[in-house]
C-alpha cells in the first residue's frame, strides 16, 4: 500500500460525491461528458473564474471581469422557481472589490477575498442566517497574516481552511485547522510535493480532506498553468501530484472546483469557466494494490 490513504470512497460516498442521480439544473445547461465544455457560455459571457454552488444547487457565485484585466467582482445567481436569475446586489460583500467566493460543504459559510480598509487584499467570511448571507467580516490573523496575501479559500467538512498564500516571490498552499473552540490554528504550508515549484495556487480540498486539486506550472507536462491532483497519505503527507491530462491543454487551466454533489468538475480555461464529468478523477483516486 506504500503508506497511501484508503480510497476516498468512505466519506465521499456518505456525502453523495461521485453519485450520479437525477441531474440538477445547472442553469439548464446540457450536462457534459468526459470532454470539457464551456459552462453556461450564454450567461457567463465575460471573463469568469472558479465558481461555487451551495449544497442545494440553488445559488451560484463566481469572479467576473467585464473585460479581461479590468476590476474583478463577485457575481451571483439563484433559482426562482424553474428559472435562474441574477442577484442584483450581493448584500454580504463588505468591500469595493471581491474575488474567489467559496461556499462551505455544509452551506453555512461563504468565504471570499476582498480589499481591506488599507487597500490590501484580505479574506472574509459571511455566515448563513434566516434572512440570507450576513455582512462579511475579516477572518482572524491566522488567515490574514501581514506578510502574506490569502487567496482562493476552500474548506473541509470540519471547517479546516486550505488557501493560497501569495508573496512577491512565491505562491504556496497552506492549511489552517479549525479548533474545537472555533478558533484557527496557525497556517501550515503543505509539503514540497505540493509547494516545491514555488507556484502552487487555487486549491480545492475534498470535504473529507482525502485529496487536493490545485494549479501550477510544475512538471515537464505543463505548458503553462495546469491542474494537478494529489492524495493525502496515511501519515498526513501528500502524494506526488499528477497532471490531470483529461482537462489540461496548451492553454491555461486554473481554479478547479467540484460541484457539491461531486458530479462535475468546474475549472477556468483561458478566462472562461468550463466543466466536465467528475469521473475524469476516478482513475487518480483508485488505490492500486
C-alpha atoms as a PDB file:
ATOM      1  CA  UNK A   1       0.000   0.000   0.000  1.00  0.00           C
ATOM      2  CA  UNK A   2       3.065   2.280   0.307  1.00  0.00           C
ATOM      3  CA  UNK A   3       1.548   4.379   3.117  1.00  0.00           C
ATOM      4  CA  UNK A   4      -1.195   5.783   0.964  1.00  0.00           C
ATOM      5  CA  UNK A   5      -4.532   6.815   2.397  1.00  0.00           C
ATOM      6  CA  UNK A   6      -7.508   4.498   1.827  1.00  0.00           C
ATOM      7  CA  UNK A   7      -9.615   5.074  -1.235  1.00  0.00           C
ATOM      8  CA  UNK A   8     -11.715   8.209  -0.813  1.00  0.00           C
ATOM      9  CA  UNK A   9     -14.967   6.295  -1.254  1.00  0.00           C
ATOM     10  CA  UNK A  10     -15.532   6.169   2.516  1.00  0.00           C
ATOM     11  CA  UNK A  11     -16.751   9.662   3.329  1.00  0.00           C
ATOM     12  CA  UNK A  12     -17.304  10.817  -0.234  1.00  0.00           C
ATOM     13  CA  UNK A  13     -19.978   8.212  -0.689  1.00  0.00           C
ATOM     14  CA  UNK A  14     -21.612   9.399   2.531  1.00  0.00           C
ATOM     15  CA  UNK A  15     -21.869  12.986   1.326  1.00  0.00           C
ATOM     16  CA  UNK A  16     -23.039  11.957  -2.137  1.00  0.00           C
ATOM     17  CA  UNK A  17     -19.880  12.717  -4.074  1.00  0.00           C
ATOM     18  CA  UNK A  18     -19.396  10.808  -7.298  1.00  0.00           C
ATOM     19  CA  UNK A  19     -23.019   9.716  -7.197  1.00  0.00           C
ATOM     20  CA  UNK A  20     -24.913  10.424 -10.399  1.00  0.00           C
ATOM     21  CA  UNK A  21     -28.601  10.556  -9.605  1.00  0.00           C
ATOM     22  CA  UNK A  22     -31.185  12.904 -11.024  1.00  0.00           C
ATOM     23  CA  UNK A  23     -29.261  15.695 -12.715  1.00  0.00           C
ATOM     24  CA  UNK A  24     -29.536  19.158 -11.150  1.00  0.00           C
ATOM     25  CA  UNK A  25     -30.461  22.044 -13.371  1.00  0.00           C
ATOM     26  CA  UNK A  26     -27.110  23.877 -13.541  1.00  0.00           C
ATOM     27  CA  UNK A  27     -28.728  26.811 -15.351  1.00  0.00           C
ATOM     28  CA  UNK A  28     -30.493  24.276 -17.557  1.00  0.00           C
ATOM     29  CA  UNK A  29     -27.261  23.577 -19.429  1.00  0.00           C
ATOM     30  CA  UNK A  30     -26.765  20.276 -21.293  1.00  0.00           C
ATOM     31  CA  UNK A  31     -24.661  18.127 -18.983  1.00  0.00           C
ATOM     32  CA  UNK A  32     -21.076  17.458 -20.082  1.00  0.00           C
ATOM     33  CA  UNK A  33     -19.407  14.112 -20.594  1.00  0.00           C
ATOM     34  CA  UNK A  34     -15.737  13.243 -20.253  1.00  0.00           C
ATOM     35  CA  UNK A  35     -14.625  16.042 -22.585  1.00  0.00           C
ATOM     36  CA  UNK A  36     -14.635  19.545 -21.048  1.00  0.00           C
ATOM     37  CA  UNK A  37     -17.116  22.077 -22.395  1.00  0.00           C
ATOM     38  CA  UNK A  38     -17.764  25.770 -21.656  1.00  0.00           C
ATOM     39  CA  UNK A  39     -20.100  26.224 -18.691  1.00  0.00           C
ATOM     40  CA  UNK A  40     -23.152  28.433 -19.284  1.00  0.00           C
ATOM     41  CA  UNK A  41     -21.475  30.351 -22.145  1.00  0.00           C
ATOM     42  CA  UNK A  42     -24.612  32.348 -22.943  1.00  0.00           C
ATOM     43  CA  UNK A  43     -24.827  33.558 -19.337  1.00  0.00           C
ATOM     44  CA  UNK A  44     -21.172  33.853 -18.288  1.00  0.00           C
ATOM     45  CA  UNK A  45     -20.263  35.967 -21.296  1.00  0.00           C
ATOM     46  CA  UNK A  46     -17.224  37.779 -19.848  1.00  0.00           C
ATOM     47  CA  UNK A  47     -14.041  36.737 -18.094  1.00  0.00           C
ATOM     48  CA  UNK A  48     -15.100  34.354 -15.323  1.00  0.00           C
ATOM     49  CA  UNK A  49     -13.156  32.357 -12.807  1.00  0.00           C
ATOM     50  CA  UNK A  50     -13.799  29.481 -10.423  1.00  0.00           C
ATOM     51  CA  UNK A  51     -17.391  29.177  -9.321  1.00  0.00           C
ATOM     52  CA  UNK A  52     -19.179  27.850  -6.244  1.00  0.00           C
ATOM     53  CA  UNK A  53     -22.630  26.339  -5.716  1.00  0.00           C
ATOM     54  CA  UNK A  54     -24.440  25.975  -2.416  1.00  0.00           C
ATOM     55  CA  UNK A  55     -25.276  22.368  -1.384  1.00  0.00           C
ATOM     56  CA  UNK A  56     -28.861  22.687  -2.689  1.00  0.00           C
ATOM     57  CA  UNK A  57     -27.516  23.820  -6.090  1.00  0.00           C
ATOM     58  CA  UNK A  58     -29.816  26.834  -5.823  1.00  0.00           C
ATOM     59  CA  UNK A  59     -27.150  29.567  -5.691  1.00  0.00           C
ATOM     60  CA  UNK A  60     -24.022  30.124  -7.771  1.00  0.00           C
ATOM     61  CA  UNK A  61     -21.248  32.700  -7.347  1.00  0.00           C
ATOM     62  CA  UNK A  62     -18.062  33.348  -9.311  1.00  0.00           C
ATOM     63  CA  UNK A  63     -15.435  36.001 -10.042  1.00  0.00           C
ATOM     64  CA  UNK A  64     -16.237  38.238 -13.002  1.00  0.00           C
ATOM     65  CA  UNK A  65     -14.482  40.862 -15.098  1.00  0.00           C
ATOM     66  CA  UNK A  66     -16.346  42.874 -17.727  1.00  0.00           C
ATOM     67  CA  UNK A  67     -13.179  42.840 -19.823  1.00  0.00           C
ATOM     68  CA  UNK A  68     -10.003  40.871 -19.237  1.00  0.00           C
ATOM     69  CA  UNK A  69      -7.747  42.828 -16.912  1.00  0.00           C
ATOM     70  CA  UNK A  70     -10.422  45.138 -15.522  1.00  0.00           C
ATOM     71  CA  UNK A  71     -11.536  45.247 -11.879  1.00  0.00           C
ATOM     72  CA  UNK A  72     -12.892  41.957 -10.566  1.00  0.00           C
ATOM     73  CA  UNK A  73     -16.114  41.469  -8.621  1.00  0.00           C
ATOM     74  CA  UNK A  74     -18.264  38.614  -7.374  1.00  0.00           C
ATOM     75  CA  UNK A  75     -21.494  37.958  -9.259  1.00  0.00           C
ATOM     76  CA  UNK A  76     -24.304  35.665  -8.157  1.00  0.00           C
ATOM     77  CA  UNK A  77     -27.349  33.785  -9.413  1.00  0.00           C
ATOM     78  CA  UNK A  78     -30.182  31.998  -7.648  1.00  0.00           C
ATOM     79  CA  UNK A  79     -33.099  29.834  -8.614  1.00  0.00           C
ATOM     80  CA  UNK A  80     -36.541  31.389  -8.772  1.00  0.00           C
ATOM     81  CA  UNK A  81     -38.990  28.576  -9.375  1.00  0.00           C
ATOM     82  CA  UNK A  82     -37.828  26.929 -12.579  1.00  0.00           C
ATOM     83  CA  UNK A  83     -35.537  29.781 -13.693  1.00  0.00           C
ATOM     84  CA  UNK A  84     -32.156  31.185 -12.707  1.00  0.00           C
ATOM     85  CA  UNK A  85     -31.930  34.935 -12.149  1.00  0.00           C
ATOM     86  CA  UNK A  86     -29.037  37.275 -11.455  1.00  0.00           C
ATOM     87  CA  UNK A  87     -28.685  38.698  -7.953  1.00  0.00           C
ATOM     88  CA  UNK A  88     -28.608  42.470  -8.376  1.00  0.00           C
ATOM     89  CA  UNK A  89     -26.910  43.276  -5.085  1.00  0.00           C
ATOM     90  CA  UNK A  90     -24.752  40.975  -3.014  1.00  0.00           C
ATOM     91  CA  UNK A  91     -25.507  42.271   0.461  1.00  0.00           C
ATOM     92  CA  UNK A  92     -22.825  40.131   2.095  1.00  0.00           C
ATOM     93  CA  UNK A  93     -19.966  41.771   0.162  1.00  0.00           C
ATOM     94  CA  UNK A  94     -18.345  44.260   2.512  1.00  0.00           C
ATOM     95  CA  UNK A  95     -15.634  45.550   0.166  1.00  0.00           C
ATOM     96  CA  UNK A  96     -15.243  47.568  -3.015  1.00  0.00           C
ATOM     97  CA  UNK A  97     -13.694  44.644  -4.862  1.00  0.00           C
ATOM     98  CA  UNK A  98     -14.243  40.937  -4.169  1.00  0.00           C
ATOM     99  CA  UNK A  99     -12.963  37.754  -5.788  1.00  0.00           C
ATOM    100  CA  UNK A 100     -12.899  33.969  -5.484  1.00  0.00           C
ATOM    101  CA  UNK A 101     -16.032  33.055  -3.480  1.00  0.00           C
ATOM    102  CA  UNK A 102     -16.344  29.646  -1.856  1.00  0.00           C
ATOM    103  CA  UNK A 103     -19.349  28.145  -0.047  1.00  0.00           C
ATOM    104  CA  UNK A 104     -18.503  25.600   2.656  1.00  0.00           C
ATOM    105  CA  UNK A 105     -19.589  21.964   2.177  1.00  0.00           C
ATOM    106  CA  UNK A 106     -22.356  22.331   4.782  1.00  0.00           C
ATOM    107  CA  UNK A 107     -23.597  25.561   3.195  1.00  0.00           C
ATOM    108  CA  UNK A 108     -23.298  27.672   6.364  1.00  0.00           C
ATOM    109  CA  UNK A 109     -20.325  29.862   5.410  1.00  0.00           C
ATOM    110  CA  UNK A 110     -19.260  31.823   2.351  1.00  0.00           C
ATOM    111  CA  UNK A 111     -15.640  32.937   2.035  1.00  0.00           C
ATOM    112  CA  UNK A 112     -14.065  35.403  -0.373  1.00  0.00           C
ATOM    113  CA  UNK A 113     -11.043  37.680  -0.740  1.00  0.00           C
ATOM    114  CA  UNK A 114     -11.629  41.424  -0.904  1.00  0.00           C
ATOM    115  CA  UNK A 115      -9.935  44.775  -0.476  1.00  0.00           C
ATOM    116  CA  UNK A 116      -9.402  45.699   3.156  1.00  0.00           C
ATOM    117  CA  UNK A 117      -9.563  49.167   4.751  1.00  0.00           C
ATOM    118  CA  UNK A 118      -5.923  49.943   3.877  1.00  0.00           C
ATOM    119  CA  UNK A 119      -6.186  48.711   0.307  1.00  0.00           C
ATOM    120  CA  UNK A 120      -4.718  45.286   0.998  1.00  0.00           C
ATOM    121  CA  UNK A 121      -6.389  42.008  -0.032  1.00  0.00           C
ATOM    122  CA  UNK A 122      -7.741  40.060   2.954  1.00  0.00           C
ATOM    123  CA  UNK A 123     -10.017  37.054   3.473  1.00  0.00           C
ATOM    124  CA  UNK A 124     -13.621  37.461   4.630  1.00  0.00           C
ATOM    125  CA  UNK A 125     -16.368  35.171   5.887  1.00  0.00           C
ATOM    126  CA  UNK A 126     -20.161  35.518   5.678  1.00  0.00           C
ATOM    127  CA  UNK A 127     -22.481  33.218   7.622  1.00  0.00           C
ATOM    128  CA  UNK A 128     -25.876  31.923   6.552  1.00  0.00           C
ATOM    129  CA  UNK A 129     -28.741  33.342   8.628  1.00  0.00           C
ATOM    130  CA  UNK A 130     -32.513  33.075   8.428  1.00  0.00           C
ATOM    131  CA  UNK A 131     -32.538  36.203   6.259  1.00  0.00           C
ATOM    132  CA  UNK A 132     -29.675  35.139   3.994  1.00  0.00           C
ATOM    133  CA  UNK A 133     -25.918  35.745   3.997  1.00  0.00           C
ATOM    134  CA  UNK A 134     -24.669  38.036   6.763  1.00  0.00           C
ATOM    135  CA  UNK A 135     -22.483  41.043   6.149  1.00  0.00           C
ATOM    136  CA  UNK A 136     -18.978  39.651   5.694  1.00  0.00           C
ATOM    137  CA  UNK A 137     -16.270  40.200   8.293  1.00  0.00           C
ATOM    138  CA  UNK A 138     -12.500  39.661   8.124  1.00  0.00           C
ATOM    139  CA  UNK A 139     -11.110  36.306   9.135  1.00  0.00           C
ATOM    140  CA  UNK A 140      -8.559  36.246  12.003  1.00  0.00           C
ATOM    141  CA  UNK A 141      -4.824  36.836  11.792  1.00  0.00           C
ATOM    142  CA  UNK A 142      -4.015  33.145  11.287  1.00  0.00           C
ATOM    143  CA  UNK A 143      -5.516  33.526   7.806  1.00  0.00           C
ATOM    144  CA  UNK A 144      -4.853  37.237   7.253  1.00  0.00           C
ATOM    145  CA  UNK A 145      -1.143  37.188   8.075  1.00  0.00           C
ATOM    146  CA  UNK A 146       0.587  40.513   7.455  1.00  0.00           C
ATOM    147  CA  UNK A 147       3.384  39.069   5.311  1.00  0.00           C
ATOM    148  CA  UNK A 148       1.121  37.016   3.016  1.00  0.00           C
ATOM    149  CA  UNK A 149      -1.980  37.676   0.928  1.00  0.00           C
ATOM    150  CA  UNK A 150      -4.656  34.955   1.355  1.00  0.00           C
ATOM    151  CA  UNK A 151      -6.435  33.924  -1.836  1.00  0.00           C
ATOM    152  CA  UNK A 152      -8.897  31.266  -3.036  1.00  0.00           C
ATOM    153  CA  UNK A 153     -10.139  29.699   0.200  1.00  0.00           C
ATOM    154  CA  UNK A 154     -11.628  26.202   0.252  1.00  0.00           C
ATOM    155  CA  UNK A 155     -12.873  24.212   3.252  1.00  0.00           C
ATOM    156  CA  UNK A 156     -13.492  20.740   4.631  1.00  0.00           C
ATOM    157  CA  UNK A 157     -16.482  19.327   6.473  1.00  0.00           C
ATOM    158  CA  UNK A 158     -14.876  20.150   9.837  1.00  0.00           C
ATOM    159  CA  UNK A 159     -14.166  23.762   8.843  1.00  0.00           C
ATOM    160  CA  UNK A 160     -10.443  23.436   8.125  1.00  0.00           C
ATOM    161  CA  UNK A 161      -9.365  26.018   5.551  1.00  0.00           C
ATOM    162  CA  UNK A 162      -6.977  25.498   2.653  1.00  0.00           C
ATOM    163  CA  UNK A 163      -5.915  28.533   0.642  1.00  0.00           C
ATOM    164  CA  UNK A 164      -3.148  30.171  -1.369  1.00  0.00           C
ATOM    165  CA  UNK A 165      -0.675  32.453   0.358  1.00  0.00           C
ATOM    166  CA  UNK A 166       0.819  34.940  -2.075  1.00  0.00           C
ATOM    167  CA  UNK A 167       4.004  36.978  -1.673  1.00  0.00           C
ATOM    168  CA  UNK A 168       6.191  38.855  -4.143  1.00  0.00           C
ATOM    169  CA  UNK A 169       8.321  35.740  -4.685  1.00  0.00           C
ATOM    170  CA  UNK A 170       6.087  32.745  -4.008  1.00  0.00           C
ATOM    171  CA  UNK A 171       2.594  31.257  -4.225  1.00  0.00           C
ATOM    172  CA  UNK A 172       2.049  28.385  -1.808  1.00  0.00           C
ATOM    173  CA  UNK A 173      -0.876  26.358  -0.468  1.00  0.00           C
ATOM    174  CA  UNK A 174      -1.415  26.244   3.290  1.00  0.00           C
ATOM    175  CA  UNK A 175      -3.873  24.756   5.752  1.00  0.00           C
ATOM    176  CA  UNK A 176      -5.469  26.321   8.863  1.00  0.00           C
ATOM    177  CA  UNK A 177      -7.065  23.784  11.178  1.00  0.00           C
ATOM    178  CA  UNK A 178     -10.390  24.732  12.781  1.00  0.00           C
ATOM    179  CA  UNK A 179     -10.063  24.192  16.523  1.00  0.00           C
ATOM    180  CA  UNK A 180     -12.747  22.950  18.915  1.00  0.00           C
ATOM    181  CA  UNK A 181     -13.360  26.451  20.289  1.00  0.00           C
ATOM    182  CA  UNK A 182     -13.968  27.793  16.775  1.00  0.00           C
ATOM    183  CA  UNK A 183     -10.579  29.487  16.504  1.00  0.00           C
ATOM    184  CA  UNK A 184      -7.970  28.598  13.885  1.00  0.00           C
ATOM    185  CA  UNK A 185      -4.530  27.099  14.276  1.00  0.00           C
ATOM    186  CA  UNK A 186      -1.559  28.777  12.620  1.00  0.00           C
ATOM    187  CA  UNK A 187      -1.205  28.270   8.874  1.00  0.00           C
ATOM    188  CA  UNK A 188       0.757  25.147   7.905  1.00  0.00           C
ATOM    189  CA  UNK A 189       2.357  25.131   4.439  1.00  0.00           C
ATOM    190  CA  UNK A 190       1.793  21.857   2.608  1.00  0.00           C
ATOM    191  CA  UNK A 191       4.923  19.867   1.814  1.00  0.00           C
ATOM    192  CA  UNK A 192       7.336  20.126  -1.083  1.00  0.00           C
ATOM    193  CA  UNK A 193       5.273  17.694  -3.133  1.00  0.00           C
ATOM    194  CA  UNK A 194       2.704  20.488  -3.453  1.00  0.00           C
ATOM    195  CA  UNK A 195       4.732  23.679  -2.945  1.00  0.00           C
ATOM    196  CA  UNK A 196       8.140  22.646  -4.276  1.00  0.00           C
ATOM    197  CA  UNK A 197       7.739  24.574  -7.530  1.00  0.00           C
ATOM    198  CA  UNK A 198       7.126  27.843  -5.694  1.00  0.00           C
ATOM    199  CA  UNK A 199       3.997  28.401  -7.769  1.00  0.00           C
ATOM    200  CA  UNK A 200       1.103  26.342  -6.375  1.00  0.00           C
ATOM    201  CA  UNK A 201      -2.274  28.073  -6.242  1.00  0.00           C
ATOM    202  CA  UNK A 202      -6.091  27.908  -6.303  1.00  0.00           C
ATOM    203  CA  UNK A 203      -6.636  24.772  -4.175  1.00  0.00           C
ATOM    204  CA  UNK A 204      -9.799  22.727  -3.880  1.00  0.00           C
ATOM    205  CA  UNK A 205      -9.808  20.352  -0.917  1.00  0.00           C
ATOM    206  CA  UNK A 206     -12.254  17.450  -0.890  1.00  0.00           C
ATOM    207  CA  UNK A 207     -14.741  17.714   2.004  1.00  0.00           C
ATOM    208  CA  UNK A 208     -13.204  14.667   3.721  1.00  0.00           C
ATOM    209  CA  UNK A 209      -9.674  16.037   3.124  1.00  0.00           C
ATOM    210  CA  UNK A 210      -8.632  12.921   1.198  1.00  0.00           C
ATOM    211  CA  UNK A 211      -7.435  14.658  -1.960  1.00  0.00           C
ATOM    212  CA  UNK A 212      -6.439  18.058  -3.260  1.00  0.00           C
ATOM    213  CA  UNK A 213      -6.835  19.746  -6.638  1.00  0.00           C
ATOM    214  CA  UNK A 214      -4.740  22.797  -7.487  1.00  0.00           C
ATOM    215  CA  UNK A 215      -2.985  24.510 -10.377  1.00  0.00           C
ATOM    216  CA  UNK A 216       0.716  25.051 -11.020  1.00  0.00           C
ATOM    217  CA  UNK A 217       3.234  25.365 -13.865  1.00  0.00           C
ATOM    218  CA  UNK A 218       5.224  22.462 -12.354  1.00  0.00           C
ATOM    219  CA  UNK A 219       6.400  19.410 -14.246  1.00  0.00           C
ATOM    220  CA  UNK A 220       7.559  18.585 -17.771  1.00  0.00           C
ATOM    221  CA  UNK A 221       3.996  18.022 -18.989  1.00  0.00           C
ATOM    222  CA  UNK A 222       2.909  21.563 -18.168  1.00  0.00           C
ATOM    223  CA  UNK A 223       2.648  24.123 -20.942  1.00  0.00           C
ATOM    224  CA  UNK A 224       1.611  26.872 -18.533  1.00  0.00           C
ATOM    225  CA  UNK A 225      -0.661  26.545 -15.528  1.00  0.00           C
ATOM    226  CA  UNK A 226      -2.186  23.045 -15.427  1.00  0.00           C
ATOM    227  CA  UNK A 227      -4.480  21.347 -12.928  1.00  0.00           C
ATOM    228  CA  UNK A 228      -2.959  18.692 -10.661  1.00  0.00           C
ATOM    229  CA  UNK A 229      -4.370  16.162  -8.216  1.00  0.00           C
ATOM    230  CA  UNK A 230      -2.736  14.773  -5.073  1.00  0.00           C
ATOM    231  CA  UNK A 231      -3.949  12.308  -2.444  1.00  0.00           C
ATOM    232  CA  UNK A 232      -3.462  12.656   1.300  1.00  0.00           C
ATOM    233  CA  UNK A 233      -1.420   9.785   2.713  1.00  0.00           C
ATOM    234  CA  UNK A 234      -1.934   7.985   5.999  1.00  0.00           C
ATOM    235  CA  UNK A 235       0.908   9.967   7.596  1.00  0.00           C
ATOM    236  CA  UNK A 236      -0.665  13.273   6.550  1.00  0.00           C
ATOM    237  CA  UNK A 237       1.769  13.948   3.706  1.00  0.00           C
ATOM    238  CA  UNK A 238       0.693  14.381   0.085  1.00  0.00           C
ATOM    239  CA  UNK A 239       1.331  12.071  -2.836  1.00  0.00           C
ATOM    240  CA  UNK A 240       3.305  13.267  -5.822  1.00  0.00           C
ATOM    241  CA  UNK A 241       0.853  15.420  -7.806  1.00  0.00           C
ATOM    242  CA  UNK A 242      -0.379  14.033 -11.094  1.00  0.00           C
ATOM    243  CA  UNK A 243      -1.165  16.143 -14.126  1.00  0.00           C
ATOM    244  CA  UNK A 244      -4.899  15.944 -14.874  1.00  0.00           C
ATOM    245  CA  UNK A 245      -4.323  15.298 -18.551  1.00  0.00           C
ATOM    246  CA  UNK A 246      -8.040  14.850 -19.265  1.00  0.00           C
ATOM    247  CA  UNK A 247      -8.615  18.589 -18.826  1.00  0.00           C
ATOM    248  CA  UNK A 248      -5.242  20.259 -19.448  1.00  0.00           C
ATOM    249  CA  UNK A 249      -4.334  21.727 -22.826  1.00  0.00           C
ATOM    250  CA  UNK A 250      -1.706  24.070 -24.222  1.00  0.00           C
ATOM    251  CA  UNK A 251      -3.809  26.877 -22.743  1.00  0.00           C
ATOM    252  CA  UNK A 252      -4.129  27.887 -19.093  1.00  0.00           C
ATOM    253  CA  UNK A 253      -6.247  25.689 -16.794  1.00  0.00           C
ATOM    254  CA  UNK A 254      -6.748  27.017 -13.253  1.00  0.00           C
ATOM    255  CA  UNK A 255      -9.189  27.130 -10.318  1.00  0.00           C
ATOM    256  CA  UNK A 256     -10.551  23.546 -10.128  1.00  0.00           C
ATOM    257  CA  UNK A 257     -13.750  23.151  -8.074  1.00  0.00           C
ATOM    258  CA  UNK A 258     -16.025  20.136  -7.614  1.00  0.00           C
ATOM    259  CA  UNK A 259     -19.768  20.732  -7.513  1.00  0.00           C
ATOM    260  CA  UNK A 260     -21.337  19.879  -4.117  1.00  0.00           C
ATOM    261  CA  UNK A 261     -22.891  16.675  -5.463  1.00  0.00           C
ATOM    262  CA  UNK A 262     -19.475  15.578  -6.725  1.00  0.00           C
ATOM    263  CA  UNK A 263     -20.846  15.079 -10.229  1.00  0.00           C
ATOM    264  CA  UNK A 264     -18.902  17.740 -12.144  1.00  0.00           C
ATOM    265  CA  UNK A 265     -15.552  19.483 -12.117  1.00  0.00           C
ATOM    266  CA  UNK A 266     -15.580  23.214 -12.823  1.00  0.00           C
ATOM    267  CA  UNK A 267     -12.376  24.980 -13.837  1.00  0.00           C
ATOM    268  CA  UNK A 268     -11.248  28.048 -15.768  1.00  0.00           C
ATOM    269  CA  UNK A 269      -9.611  27.658 -19.156  1.00  0.00           C
ATOM    270  CA  UNK A 270      -8.334  30.750 -20.918  1.00  0.00           C
ATOM    271  CA  UNK A 271     -10.562  33.102 -18.900  1.00  0.00           C
ATOM    272  CA  UNK A 272     -13.776  31.064 -19.259  1.00  0.00           C
ATOM    273  CA  UNK A 273     -15.347  28.589 -16.846  1.00  0.00           C
ATOM    274  CA  UNK A 274     -15.541  25.049 -18.248  1.00  0.00           C
ATOM    275  CA  UNK A 275     -16.924  21.838 -16.778  1.00  0.00           C
ATOM    276  CA  UNK A 276     -16.532  18.106 -17.224  1.00  0.00           C
ATOM    277  CA  UNK A 277     -17.915  14.923 -15.690  1.00  0.00           C
ATOM    278  CA  UNK A 278     -16.085  14.255 -12.397  1.00  0.00           C
ATOM    279  CA  UNK A 279     -15.464  10.673 -13.466  1.00  0.00           C
ATOM    280  CA  UNK A 280     -12.269  12.027 -15.057  1.00  0.00           C
ATOM    281  CA  UNK A 281     -10.886  11.877 -11.496  1.00  0.00           C
ATOM    282  CA  UNK A 282     -11.758   8.248 -10.822  1.00  0.00           C
ATOM    283  CA  UNK A 283      -8.540   6.664 -12.093  1.00  0.00           C
ATOM    284  CA  UNK A 284      -6.439   9.011  -9.929  1.00  0.00           C
ATOM    285  CA  UNK A 285      -8.324   8.084  -6.763  1.00  0.00           C
ATOM    286  CA  UNK A 286      -8.446   4.279  -7.015  1.00  0.00           C
ATOM    287  CA  UNK A 287      -5.938   2.547  -4.758  1.00  0.00           C
ATOM    288  CA  UNK A 288      -3.596   0.294  -6.724  1.00  0.00           C
ATOM    289  CA  UNK A 289      -2.568  -2.843  -4.888  1.00  0.00           C
END
